[in-house]
């Protein structure tokens, strides 16, 4: 869910300019830099930057993260008067999956700035424009075709499903897929009904980055309600040339000074060794950081791809939790033309492919009033399997497919070739391995707690560890604040106060989580007449 609400400064530590960074020398005599806390941001995390650690210095903590969690951990430590920490970043900047790039050309030859990752926020006078989801036109292979009434039909069903999800959570009823919840609420489109399939993609996949079949009803509804009802139901798209990560840069300046030696950019973490005595972080240049505690803010995708080694291996309960949760991919594909041939006063264009669900379904215009006016920039969004497919193609192949779709949408217009074209490949980005997390069916709150629980002196934070705001930047923010507060308390040998509740020591975890059916219930009365157990030869 790159599209969050107003973040209330939630993105604080996502990105820091290179001017804040210190680039370390090679280690001497095998000594490790020592510190109280090491904050590990994006081993290969989304948009994170790392810098090698200077040799021979020790610290109380270390943190590495993707998104806003790493710098936020640091802020929480600073607020608790813990200044002996190091932030280790893979990239030459901070901000993780909050990142932008130059794209296309203005009339004066200078480039526009477009957001590749998170896109919706407000703070620090960041230029943004209200995203009006009612400003939408609908298309199919024949061109313009008004099926927008289906949007209200979906919303009515979702309102029913969401209310049911709340009751299920309150009464401890078994979870179900969002697909089942929608179907029981009256929204059950046939696979051949491509208009409804497009509307469903707009209403679900565009936010979750995965399909209703792959998503939990209870936690999908809860996450949606907690963000849009607790904070704001409006989204403001960042169109500032300084980029979304300007928020993070400004927040970072509240606790990092110029050329601050505690921020190590362009530093790739390769292995983490942890014990009852502390944590040692090893980097690709042969240097190391020895810390009393470490906060790992790698993306779920980095953990799932085992991009960093852990010694000893993470316990089974932690590895199971990492495997059970989902990492989605959300891909924006940008095109600039020499003219705006689409309706310039409309923000969203929804396309229903005649044969494939989620095939370039969403197009957004940046050329209209309040955006990058006159830029002639249009971008499409795909998620999930389509993102994976397009990542394997060349730009030319993908551009050809998109041009064919645009010519279907606008059959009476001569659609020109784009003058600029660009899209990221998040799934193969080694510090991210995806865009953001999703809560799948078959997982519980206790299983999620195992994802966020610490393993001794090694702590975890990030958007994926947020039970309430998974997938959102502010989820990473709050998790970074909480993990930082816990570790600061441990360093100072006191109890932490989190959500006005005193908490001492580590987070709870569950070594074993039981199912809903005891072995004796597998019997003929329940349709299980024979044993499924056989002697192995």
Protein backbone atom coordinates (compact mmCIF):
# COMPACT_ATOMS: atom_id res chain seq x y z
CA UNK A 1 0.00 0.00 0.00
CA UNK A 2 2.25 2.76 -1.19
CA UNK A 3 -0.77 5.01 -0.91
CA UNK A 4 -0.95 6.00 2.73
CA UNK A 5 -2.76 8.86 4.44
CA UNK A 6 -1.17 12.00 5.82
CA UNK A 7 1.77 10.52 7.66
CA UNK A 8 1.96 12.98 10.55
CA UNK A 9 5.73 12.94 10.19
CA UNK A 10 5.66 9.18 10.13
CA UNK A 11 8.30 8.98 7.50
CA UNK A 12 10.88 10.73 9.59
CA UNK A 13 13.94 8.67 9.02
CA UNK A 14 13.40 7.19 5.64
CA UNK A 15 15.98 9.08 3.79
CA UNK A 16 19.06 11.10 4.52
CA UNK A 17 21.14 12.86 1.93
CA UNK A 18 24.63 11.67 1.21
CA UNK A 19 26.03 14.80 2.86
CA UNK A 20 25.11 13.23 6.19
CA UNK A 21 27.08 10.10 5.51
CA UNK A 22 30.49 8.89 6.47
CA UNK A 23 32.23 6.42 4.16
CA UNK A 24 34.42 4.11 6.19
CA UNK A 25 37.93 2.91 5.60
CA UNK A 26 38.87 -0.76 5.54
CA UNK A 27 39.06 -2.42 8.97
CA UNK A 28 42.42 -2.65 10.71
CA UNK A 29 43.71 -5.80 12.32
CA UNK A 30 40.28 -7.44 12.19
CA UNK A 31 38.83 -5.01 14.69
CA UNK A 32 35.12 -4.20 14.62
CA UNK A 33 33.62 -0.78 15.04
CA UNK A 34 31.89 -0.82 18.43
CA UNK A 35 28.57 0.77 19.32
CA UNK A 36 25.62 0.37 21.66
CA UNK A 37 22.99 -0.06 18.93
CA UNK A 38 23.34 -0.98 15.27
CA UNK A 39 20.41 -0.13 13.00
CA UNK A 40 20.45 -2.23 9.84
CA UNK A 41 18.67 -0.67 6.89
CA UNK A 42 18.16 -2.62 3.68
CA UNK A 43 20.83 -5.27 3.36
CA UNK A 44 19.55 -4.95 0.04
CA UNK A 45 16.57 -3.14 1.20
CA UNK A 46 14.15 -1.08 -0.83
CA UNK A 47 15.77 2.20 -1.40
CA UNK A 48 18.13 2.06 1.48
CA UNK A 49 21.71 3.14 1.32
CA UNK A 50 24.58 1.75 3.28
CA UNK A 51 28.09 2.97 4.01
CA UNK A 52 30.88 0.80 5.38
CA UNK A 53 31.59 1.17 9.07
CA UNK A 54 34.88 2.68 10.20
CA UNK A 55 37.16 0.01 11.64
CA UNK A 56 37.73 -0.55 15.31
CA UNK A 57 34.79 1.39 16.72
CA UNK A 58 32.22 -0.24 19.02
CA UNK A 59 28.63 0.86 19.62
CA UNK A 60 25.68 -0.08 21.80
CA UNK A 61 23.28 -0.52 18.91
CA UNK A 62 23.04 -1.08 15.19
CA UNK A 63 20.10 -0.69 12.82
CA UNK A 64 19.51 -1.28 9.14
CA UNK A 65 16.24 -0.62 7.51
CA UNK A 66 14.07 -0.09 4.58
CA UNK A 67 11.43 2.60 4.60
CA UNK A 68 11.08 4.91 7.58
CA UNK A 69 11.94 2.54 10.33
CA UNK A 70 15.74 2.83 10.49
CA UNK A 71 16.01 6.58 11.07
CA UNK A 72 12.94 6.44 13.29
CA UNK A 73 14.67 3.86 15.49
CA UNK A 74 17.54 6.30 15.72
CA UNK A 75 15.20 9.13 16.63
CA UNK A 76 13.64 7.04 19.39
CA UNK A 77 17.12 6.27 20.72
CA UNK A 78 18.08 9.95 20.59
CA UNK A 79 14.90 10.92 22.43
CA UNK A 80 15.94 8.49 25.17
CA UNK A 81 19.42 10.06 25.35
CA UNK A 82 21.09 7.09 23.65
CA UNK A 83 23.53 8.66 21.20
CA UNK A 84 25.94 5.75 20.73
CA UNK A 85 24.42 4.11 17.66
CA UNK A 86 25.22 3.44 14.03
CA UNK A 87 22.85 3.33 11.04
CA UNK A 88 24.03 1.00 8.29
CA UNK A 89 22.54 1.72 4.86
CA UNK A 90 22.92 -0.25 1.64
CA UNK A 91 22.36 2.72 -0.67
CA UNK A 92 23.96 6.14 -0.96
CA UNK A 93 20.86 7.67 0.58
CA UNK A 94 18.20 6.84 3.13
CA UNK A 95 14.50 6.37 2.45
CA UNK A 96 14.33 2.77 1.32
CA UNK A 97 11.35 2.16 -0.91
CA UNK A 98 10.58 5.87 -0.72
CA UNK A 99 12.60 6.93 -3.72
CA UNK A 100 12.29 9.07 -6.82
CA UNK A 101 14.08 9.53 -10.12
CA UNK A 102 14.48 12.09 -12.87
CA UNK A 103 12.26 11.37 -15.85
CA UNK A 104 11.50 12.95 -19.20
CA UNK A 105 12.14 16.56 -20.08
CA UNK A 106 10.52 19.93 -19.46
CA UNK A 107 10.50 22.60 -22.15
CA UNK A 108 13.72 24.02 -20.71
CA UNK A 109 15.41 20.62 -20.97
CA UNK A 110 15.48 19.90 -17.24
CA UNK A 111 13.93 16.64 -16.02
CA UNK A 112 10.74 16.04 -14.09
CA UNK A 113 10.88 14.10 -10.82
CA UNK A 114 8.61 11.05 -10.42
CA UNK A 115 8.13 8.75 -7.43
CA UNK A 116 9.02 5.09 -8.00
CA UNK A 117 7.77 3.94 -4.61
CA UNK A 118 5.56 5.51 -1.95
CA UNK A 119 3.66 8.44 -3.41
CA UNK A 120 1.09 9.87 -1.01
CA UNK A 121 1.95 12.11 1.99
CA UNK A 122 1.84 15.60 3.49
CA UNK A 123 4.38 17.58 5.57
CA UNK A 124 7.21 20.13 5.36
CA UNK A 125 5.37 22.11 2.70
CA UNK A 126 5.80 19.21 0.29
CA UNK A 127 3.93 20.02 -2.90
CA UNK A 128 1.06 17.59 -3.32
CA UNK A 129 -2.32 17.32 -5.02
CA UNK A 130 -5.53 15.71 -3.83
CA UNK A 131 -6.16 12.36 -5.51
CA UNK A 132 -9.80 12.47 -6.61
CA UNK A 133 -10.94 8.87 -7.05
CA UNK A 134 -14.19 10.13 -8.56
CA UNK A 135 -12.21 11.61 -11.43
CA UNK A 136 -12.18 8.38 -13.41
CA UNK A 137 -13.13 7.22 -16.91
CA UNK A 138 -13.53 3.55 -17.85
CA UNK A 139 -12.31 1.84 -21.01
CA UNK A 140 -12.09 -1.57 -22.65
CA UNK A 141 -10.79 -2.95 -25.95
CA UNK A 142 -13.40 -0.95 -27.88
CA UNK A 143 -12.40 2.39 -26.36
CA UNK A 144 -14.39 4.43 -23.85
CA UNK A 145 -17.12 2.34 -22.21
CA UNK A 146 -18.90 3.64 -19.13
CA UNK A 147 -19.08 0.85 -16.56
CA UNK A 148 -18.28 3.15 -13.63
CA UNK A 149 -21.55 2.21 -11.88
CA UNK A 150 -19.84 -1.07 -10.96
CA UNK A 151 -17.55 0.85 -8.61
CA UNK A 152 -20.49 1.59 -6.31
CA UNK A 153 -21.63 -2.03 -6.59
CA UNK A 154 -18.24 -3.24 -5.38
CA UNK A 155 -18.15 -0.66 -2.58
CA UNK A 156 -21.54 -1.76 -1.27
CA UNK A 157 -20.34 -5.36 -1.09
CA UNK A 158 -17.06 -4.36 0.54
CA UNK A 159 -18.86 -2.35 3.20
CA UNK A 160 -20.82 -5.48 4.13
CA UNK A 161 -17.72 -7.68 4.06
CA UNK A 162 -15.77 -5.20 6.19
CA UNK A 163 -18.48 -5.12 8.86
CA UNK A 164 -18.53 -8.91 8.88
CA UNK A 165 -14.73 -8.97 9.23
CA UNK A 166 -14.97 -6.81 12.33
CA UNK A 167 -17.46 -9.20 13.88
CA UNK A 168 -15.27 -12.17 13.00
CA UNK A 169 -12.30 -10.56 14.72
CA UNK A 170 -14.32 -9.66 17.82
CA UNK A 171 -15.89 -13.13 18.12
CA UNK A 172 -12.73 -15.11 17.24
CA UNK A 173 -14.31 -16.62 14.12
CA UNK A 174 -12.01 -18.36 11.63
CA UNK A 175 -10.61 -16.01 9.01
CA UNK A 176 -11.41 -16.36 5.30
CA UNK A 177 -10.04 -14.95 2.09
CA UNK A 178 -11.11 -11.53 0.94
CA UNK A 179 -12.50 -13.35 -2.10
CA UNK A 180 -14.83 -15.42 0.10
CA UNK A 181 -15.83 -12.35 2.09
CA UNK A 182 -16.68 -10.37 -1.03
CA UNK A 183 -18.55 -13.28 -2.58
CA UNK A 184 -20.71 -13.78 0.51
CA UNK A 185 -21.42 -10.04 0.51
CA UNK A 186 -22.75 -10.17 -3.04
CA UNK A 187 -19.67 -9.42 -5.17
CA UNK A 188 -18.77 -12.56 -7.10
CA UNK A 189 -17.71 -11.62 -10.64
CA UNK A 190 -17.34 -14.31 -13.26
CA UNK A 191 -13.85 -14.76 -14.64
CA UNK A 192 -15.21 -13.72 -18.04
CA UNK A 193 -16.75 -10.48 -16.71
CA UNK A 194 -13.77 -8.30 -17.47
CA UNK A 195 -15.44 -5.02 -16.51
CA UNK A 196 -16.05 -6.28 -12.99
CA UNK A 197 -12.57 -7.81 -12.90
CA UNK A 198 -11.09 -4.39 -13.70
CA UNK A 199 -13.22 -2.70 -11.03
CA UNK A 200 -12.13 -5.29 -8.49
CA UNK A 201 -8.46 -4.74 -9.36
CA UNK A 202 -8.94 -0.99 -8.88
CA UNK A 203 -10.68 -1.53 -5.55
CA UNK A 204 -8.49 -4.30 -4.06
CA UNK A 205 -5.27 -5.18 -5.88
CA UNK A 206 -4.30 -1.56 -6.46
CA UNK A 207 -4.03 -1.22 -2.68
CA UNK A 208 -2.94 -4.69 -1.53
CA UNK A 209 -0.65 -5.50 -4.51
CA UNK A 210 -2.03 -9.05 -4.32
CA UNK A 211 -5.40 -10.57 -5.23
CA UNK A 212 -8.42 -11.15 -2.95
CA UNK A 213 -7.67 -14.89 -3.15
CA UNK A 214 -4.24 -14.25 -1.62
CA UNK A 215 -5.42 -11.92 1.13
CA UNK A 216 -6.97 -12.19 4.59
CA UNK A 217 -10.44 -10.72 4.98
CA UNK A 218 -10.10 -9.93 8.68
CA UNK A 219 -6.68 -8.30 8.56
CA UNK A 220 -7.23 -6.70 5.16
CA UNK A 221 -10.34 -4.98 6.47
CA UNK A 222 -8.70 -4.10 9.79
CA UNK A 223 -5.64 -2.60 8.11
CA UNK A 224 -7.81 -0.53 5.78
CA UNK A 225 -10.00 0.74 8.61
CA UNK A 226 -7.10 1.53 10.93
CA UNK A 227 -5.36 3.70 8.34
CA UNK A 228 -8.16 5.45 6.49
CA UNK A 229 -10.58 5.84 9.39
CA UNK A 230 -8.01 6.58 12.10
CA UNK A 231 -5.99 9.11 10.12
CA UNK A 232 -7.68 10.29 6.92
CA UNK A 233 -9.70 8.90 4.06
CA UNK A 234 -7.95 11.25 1.65
CA UNK A 235 -4.74 10.76 -0.30
CA UNK A 236 -2.52 13.56 -1.52
CA UNK A 237 -0.05 12.62 -4.24
CA UNK A 238 3.45 14.06 -3.85
CA UNK A 239 4.54 15.97 -6.94
CA UNK A 240 7.35 17.95 -5.33
CA UNK A 241 10.69 18.07 -7.22
CA UNK A 242 12.42 17.39 -3.88
CA UNK A 243 10.61 14.04 -3.75
CA UNK A 244 8.62 12.27 -1.05
CA UNK A 245 11.84 11.44 0.77
CA UNK A 246 12.33 15.14 1.50
CA UNK A 247 10.13 14.45 4.54
CA UNK A 248 12.58 11.82 5.70
CA UNK A 249 15.57 14.02 5.03
CA UNK A 250 14.10 16.85 7.10
CA UNK A 251 13.15 14.54 9.97
CA UNK A 252 16.63 13.01 9.91
CA UNK A 253 18.18 16.43 10.37
CA UNK A 254 16.55 16.62 13.79
CA UNK A 255 18.98 14.01 15.14
CA UNK A 256 21.81 13.70 12.58
CA UNK A 257 24.36 16.40 11.91
CA UNK A 258 26.21 17.14 8.66
CA UNK A 259 28.74 14.41 7.85
CA UNK A 260 27.48 12.48 10.86
CA UNK A 261 29.80 9.50 11.34
CA UNK A 262 26.95 7.43 12.76
CA UNK A 263 25.31 7.14 9.32
CA UNK A 264 27.13 4.62 7.14
CA UNK A 265 25.92 4.75 3.55
CA UNK A 266 26.78 2.40 0.71
CA UNK A 267 27.40 -0.45 3.16
CA UNK A 268 26.10 -3.90 2.33
CA UNK A 269 25.38 -6.20 5.26
CA UNK A 270 26.26 -9.81 4.46
CA UNK A 271 26.08 -11.64 7.80
CA UNK A 272 24.78 -11.03 11.30
CA UNK A 273 26.11 -12.96 14.30
CA UNK A 274 24.15 -12.66 17.53
CA UNK A 275 24.41 -14.07 21.04
CA UNK A 276 23.48 -13.30 24.63
CA UNK A 277 26.44 -10.92 24.73
CA UNK A 278 25.72 -8.80 21.65
CA UNK A 279 25.45 -8.62 17.86
CA UNK A 280 28.18 -8.41 15.22
CA UNK A 281 27.30 -7.12 11.76
CA UNK A 282 29.59 -8.10 8.87
CA UNK A 283 29.69 -6.14 5.62
CA UNK A 284 30.74 -6.89 2.06
CA UNK A 285 33.96 -4.86 2.32
CA UNK A 286 35.22 -7.02 5.18
CA UNK A 287 34.48 -4.51 7.93
CA UNK A 288 32.29 -5.25 10.94
CA UNK A 289 30.30 -3.50 13.63
CA UNK A 290 30.03 -4.89 17.15
CA UNK A 291 26.93 -3.75 19.04
CA UNK A 292 25.21 -4.49 22.31
CA UNK A 293 21.91 -4.59 20.39
CA UNK A 294 20.85 -4.43 16.75
CA UNK A 295 17.58 -3.46 15.09
CA UNK A 296 17.06 -5.15 11.73
CA UNK A 297 14.74 -3.26 9.41
CA UNK A 298 15.27 -5.29 6.25
CA UNK A 299 12.23 -5.75 4.05
CA UNK A 300 10.26 -8.98 4.33
CA UNK A 301 11.46 -9.76 0.81
CA UNK A 302 15.11 -9.54 1.87
CA UNK A 303 14.47 -11.91 4.78
CA UNK A 304 12.51 -14.33 2.60
CA UNK A 305 15.28 -14.42 0.01
CA UNK A 306 17.89 -15.11 2.71
CA UNK A 307 19.97 -12.25 1.34
CA UNK A 308 21.70 -11.91 4.72
CA UNK A 309 23.16 -14.79 6.72
CA UNK A 310 22.37 -15.21 10.42
CA UNK A 311 24.55 -17.11 12.89
CA UNK A 312 23.12 -18.96 14.61
CA UNK A 313 20.28 -19.44 12.10
CA UNK A 314 17.10 -17.66 13.10
CA UNK A 315 14.92 -19.93 15.28
CA UNK A 316 12.25 -22.01 13.57
CA UNK A 317 9.39 -19.90 14.92
CA UNK A 318 10.95 -16.81 13.33
CA UNK A 319 11.74 -18.50 10.01
CA UNK A 320 8.20 -19.89 9.84
CA UNK A 321 6.72 -16.44 10.37
CA UNK A 322 8.98 -14.91 7.71
CA UNK A 323 7.86 -17.59 5.24
CA UNK A 324 4.15 -17.31 6.01
CA UNK A 325 3.65 -13.64 5.27
CA UNK A 326 3.46 -12.25 1.73
CA UNK A 327 5.56 -9.68 -0.09
CA UNK A 328 3.71 -7.95 -2.91
CA UNK A 329 5.04 -6.04 -5.89
CA UNK A 330 3.55 -2.76 -7.12
CA UNK A 331 5.00 -1.42 -10.36
CA UNK A 332 4.59 2.03 -11.90
CA UNK A 333 5.37 2.37 -15.60
CA UNK A 334 6.01 5.94 -16.77
CA UNK A 335 5.58 7.31 -20.30
CA UNK A 336 6.09 10.84 -21.60
CA UNK A 337 4.65 11.94 -24.93
CA UNK A 338 4.92 15.06 -27.05
CA UNK A 339 1.24 15.77 -26.43
CA UNK A 340 -1.58 14.92 -24.02
CA UNK A 341 -3.89 12.85 -26.22
CA UNK A 342 -5.97 11.54 -23.31
CA UNK A 343 -8.61 13.53 -21.35
CA UNK A 344 -6.39 16.01 -19.55
CA UNK A 345 -8.94 16.93 -16.90
CA UNK A 346 -9.34 13.32 -15.67
CA UNK A 347 -6.98 11.80 -13.09
CA UNK A 348 -7.65 8.08 -13.58
CA UNK A 349 -8.29 5.90 -16.62
CA UNK A 350 -9.41 2.32 -15.86
CA UNK A 351 -8.88 -0.27 -18.61
CA UNK A 352 -10.54 -3.70 -18.77
CA UNK A 353 -8.53 -6.14 -20.88
CA UNK A 354 -10.75 -8.57 -22.84
CA UNK A 355 -8.61 -11.58 -21.84
CA UNK A 356 -6.49 -10.95 -18.75
CA UNK A 357 -7.27 -9.52 -15.32
CA UNK A 358 -4.81 -6.85 -14.16
CA UNK A 359 -3.35 -6.23 -17.63
CA UNK A 360 -2.34 -2.53 -17.52
CA UNK A 361 -5.63 -1.73 -15.78
CA UNK A 362 -4.80 1.62 -14.20
CA UNK A 363 -3.50 4.74 -15.92
CA UNK A 364 -2.89 8.04 -14.13
CA UNK A 365 -2.37 11.38 -15.78
CA UNK A 366 0.26 13.73 -14.40
CA UNK A 367 -0.38 16.34 -17.07
CA UNK A 368 -3.44 17.98 -15.54
CA UNK A 369 -4.05 20.90 -13.21
CA UNK A 370 -2.30 20.54 -9.86
CA UNK A 371 0.07 17.82 -11.02
CA UNK A 372 2.98 18.18 -13.47
CA UNK A 373 0.86 20.38 -15.68
CA UNK A 374 1.73 20.20 -19.35
CA UNK A 375 4.23 17.39 -18.78
CA UNK A 376 2.41 14.94 -21.09
CA UNK A 377 3.30 12.21 -18.58
CA UNK A 378 1.03 9.21 -18.14
CA UNK A 379 1.83 6.24 -15.93
CA UNK A 380 0.28 2.81 -15.60
CA UNK A 381 0.29 0.50 -12.57
CA UNK A 382 0.44 -3.28 -12.43
CA UNK A 383 0.79 -5.61 -9.45
CA UNK A 384 1.52 -9.22 -8.55
CA UNK A 385 1.95 -11.67 -11.41
CA UNK A 386 1.92 -8.92 -14.02
CA UNK A 387 4.74 -7.13 -12.19
CA UNK A 388 6.75 -10.36 -12.13
CA UNK A 389 6.11 -10.94 -15.85
CA UNK A 390 7.07 -7.43 -16.92
CA UNK A 391 10.25 -7.54 -14.85
CA UNK A 392 11.48 -10.36 -17.09
CA UNK A 393 10.88 -8.36 -20.28
CA UNK A 394 12.88 -5.67 -21.99
CA UNK A 395 11.65 -2.10 -21.89
CA UNK A 396 10.86 -2.31 -25.60
CA UNK A 397 8.65 -5.38 -25.16
CA UNK A 398 6.71 -3.79 -22.33
CA UNK A 399 6.41 -0.47 -24.12
CA UNK A 400 4.98 -2.26 -27.15
CA UNK A 401 2.28 -3.92 -25.04
CA UNK A 402 1.36 -0.62 -23.41
CA UNK A 403 1.13 1.17 -26.74
CA UNK A 404 -1.25 -1.52 -28.02
CA UNK A 405 -3.48 -0.97 -24.98
CA UNK A 406 -3.48 2.81 -25.44
CA UNK A 407 -4.48 2.42 -29.09
CA UNK A 408 -7.40 0.26 -27.97
CA UNK A 409 -8.43 2.85 -25.40
CA UNK A 410 -8.20 5.72 -27.90
CA UNK A 411 -9.10 4.24 -31.31
CA UNK A 412 -9.88 7.65 -32.84
CA UNK A 413 -6.54 9.16 -31.89
CA UNK A 414 -3.14 8.71 -33.47
CA UNK A 415 -1.20 7.68 -30.38
CA UNK A 416 2.40 8.89 -30.78
CA UNK A 417 5.45 6.98 -29.64
CA UNK A 418 6.62 8.01 -26.16
CA UNK A 419 9.63 10.27 -25.87
CA UNK A 420 10.61 8.74 -22.50
CA UNK A 421 9.84 5.42 -20.83
CA UNK A 422 10.79 3.96 -17.45
CA UNK A 423 9.75 1.41 -14.85
CA UNK A 424 11.43 -0.16 -11.79
CA UNK A 425 11.90 -3.87 -11.18
CA UNK A 426 11.22 -4.16 -7.46
CA UNK A 427 11.15 -7.94 -7.21
CA UNK A 428 14.72 -8.23 -8.47
CA UNK A 429 16.03 -5.18 -6.59
CA UNK A 430 18.44 -6.87 -4.16
CA UNK A 431 17.78 -4.56 -1.20
CA UNK A 432 13.99 -4.88 -1.51
CA UNK A 433 12.79 -8.02 -3.30
CA UNK A 434 9.31 -6.56 -3.59
CA UNK A 435 7.32 -3.48 -2.69
CA UNK A 436 5.45 -4.07 0.56
CA UNK A 437 3.91 -6.81 2.67
CA UNK A 438 0.43 -8.29 2.72
CA UNK A 439 -1.40 -10.41 5.32
CA UNK A 440 -2.33 -13.75 3.74
CA UNK A 441 -5.08 -16.14 4.76
CA UNK A 442 -4.12 -18.81 7.30
CA UNK A 443 -2.00 -16.54 9.50
CA UNK A 444 -2.92 -15.24 12.94
CA UNK A 445 -2.01 -12.35 15.18
CA UNK A 446 0.26 -14.69 17.14
CA UNK A 447 2.05 -15.73 13.95
CA UNK A 448 2.55 -12.08 13.11
CA UNK A 449 3.91 -11.48 16.60
CA UNK A 450 6.57 -14.07 15.80
CA UNK A 451 7.50 -11.99 12.76
CA UNK A 452 8.09 -8.89 14.90
CA UNK A 453 9.50 -10.54 18.04
CA UNK A 454 13.18 -10.13 18.85
CA UNK A 455 15.61 -13.05 18.96
CA UNK A 456 17.65 -12.11 22.00
CA UNK A 457 19.59 -8.92 21.34
CA UNK A 458 18.55 -8.86 17.67
CA UNK A 459 15.36 -6.83 17.17
CA UNK A 460 13.16 -6.39 14.09
CA UNK A 461 11.15 -3.46 12.73
CA UNK A 462 9.57 -2.37 9.45
CA UNK A 463 6.23 -2.05 7.72
CA UNK A 464 5.88 -5.85 7.63
CA UNK A 465 6.17 -6.09 11.42
CA UNK A 466 3.29 -3.66 11.93
CA UNK A 467 0.14 -5.61 12.75
CA UNK A 468 -2.01 -2.51 12.39
CA UNK A 469 -0.43 -0.70 9.44
CA UNK A 470 1.40 -3.38 7.43
CA UNK A 471 2.15 -2.21 3.92
CA UNK A 472 2.15 1.48 4.84
CA UNK A 473 5.04 3.86 5.45
CA UNK A 474 3.52 4.92 8.76
CA UNK A 475 3.56 1.25 9.79
CA UNK A 476 7.34 1.32 9.40
CA UNK A 477 7.43 4.59 11.31
CA UNK A 478 5.53 3.34 14.35
CA UNK A 479 7.43 0.05 14.45
CA UNK A 480 10.73 1.93 14.33
CA UNK A 481 9.65 4.16 17.20
CA UNK A 482 8.58 1.19 19.31
CA UNK A 483 11.67 -0.94 18.62
CA UNK A 484 13.92 2.04 19.32
CA UNK A 485 12.14 2.69 22.62
CA UNK A 486 12.51 -0.96 23.67
CA UNK A 487 16.21 -1.09 22.84
CA UNK A 488 16.88 2.26 24.52
CA UNK A 489 15.27 0.90 27.68
CA UNK A 490 17.41 -2.23 27.54
CA UNK A 491 20.58 -0.18 27.08
CA UNK A 492 19.61 1.90 30.10
CA UNK A 493 18.55 -1.17 32.11
CA UNK A 494 14.97 -0.05 32.63
CA UNK A 495 11.48 -0.92 31.39
CA UNK A 496 10.12 0.69 28.24
CA UNK A 497 6.82 2.55 28.18
CA UNK A 498 5.02 1.76 24.93
CA UNK A 499 1.42 2.82 24.27
CA UNK A 500 1.30 3.96 27.91
CA UNK A 501 2.01 0.41 29.07
CA UNK A 502 5.18 -0.58 30.88
CA UNK A 503 7.04 -3.35 29.03
CA UNK A 504 10.19 -5.00 30.34
CA UNK A 505 12.62 -7.21 28.45
CA UNK A 506 11.97 -8.66 25.01
CA UNK A 507 8.81 -9.09 23.00
CA UNK A 508 6.79 -12.29 23.47
CA UNK A 509 6.90 -15.03 20.85
CA UNK A 510 5.20 -18.40 20.39
CA UNK A 511 7.34 -21.51 19.91
CA UNK A 512 4.37 -23.52 18.68
CA UNK A 513 1.00 -22.41 17.34
CA UNK A 514 -1.83 -24.93 17.32
CA UNK A 515 -4.50 -25.40 14.67
CA UNK A 516 -8.26 -25.60 15.15
CA UNK A 517 -8.82 -29.38 14.90
CA UNK A 518 -7.55 -31.95 17.40
CA UNK A 519 -6.37 -35.30 16.03
CA UNK A 520 -9.43 -37.15 17.40
CA UNK A 521 -11.69 -34.91 15.31
CA UNK A 522 -10.28 -36.46 12.14
CA UNK A 523 -12.96 -39.15 12.07
CA UNK A 524 -15.75 -40.54 9.90
CA UNK A 525 -18.32 -38.11 11.29
CA UNK A 526 -16.23 -35.27 9.90
CA UNK A 527 -15.60 -37.04 6.59
CA UNK A 528 -12.14 -38.36 7.53
CA UNK A 529 -12.71 -42.11 7.62
CA UNK A 530 -9.15 -43.35 7.09
CA UNK A 531 -5.84 -42.50 8.65
CA UNK A 532 -3.52 -40.25 6.67
CA UNK A 533 -0.48 -41.61 8.50
CA UNK A 534 1.59 -44.41 6.95
CA UNK A 535 4.75 -46.12 8.00
CA UNK A 536 7.72 -44.96 6.02
CA UNK A 537 9.82 -47.72 4.50
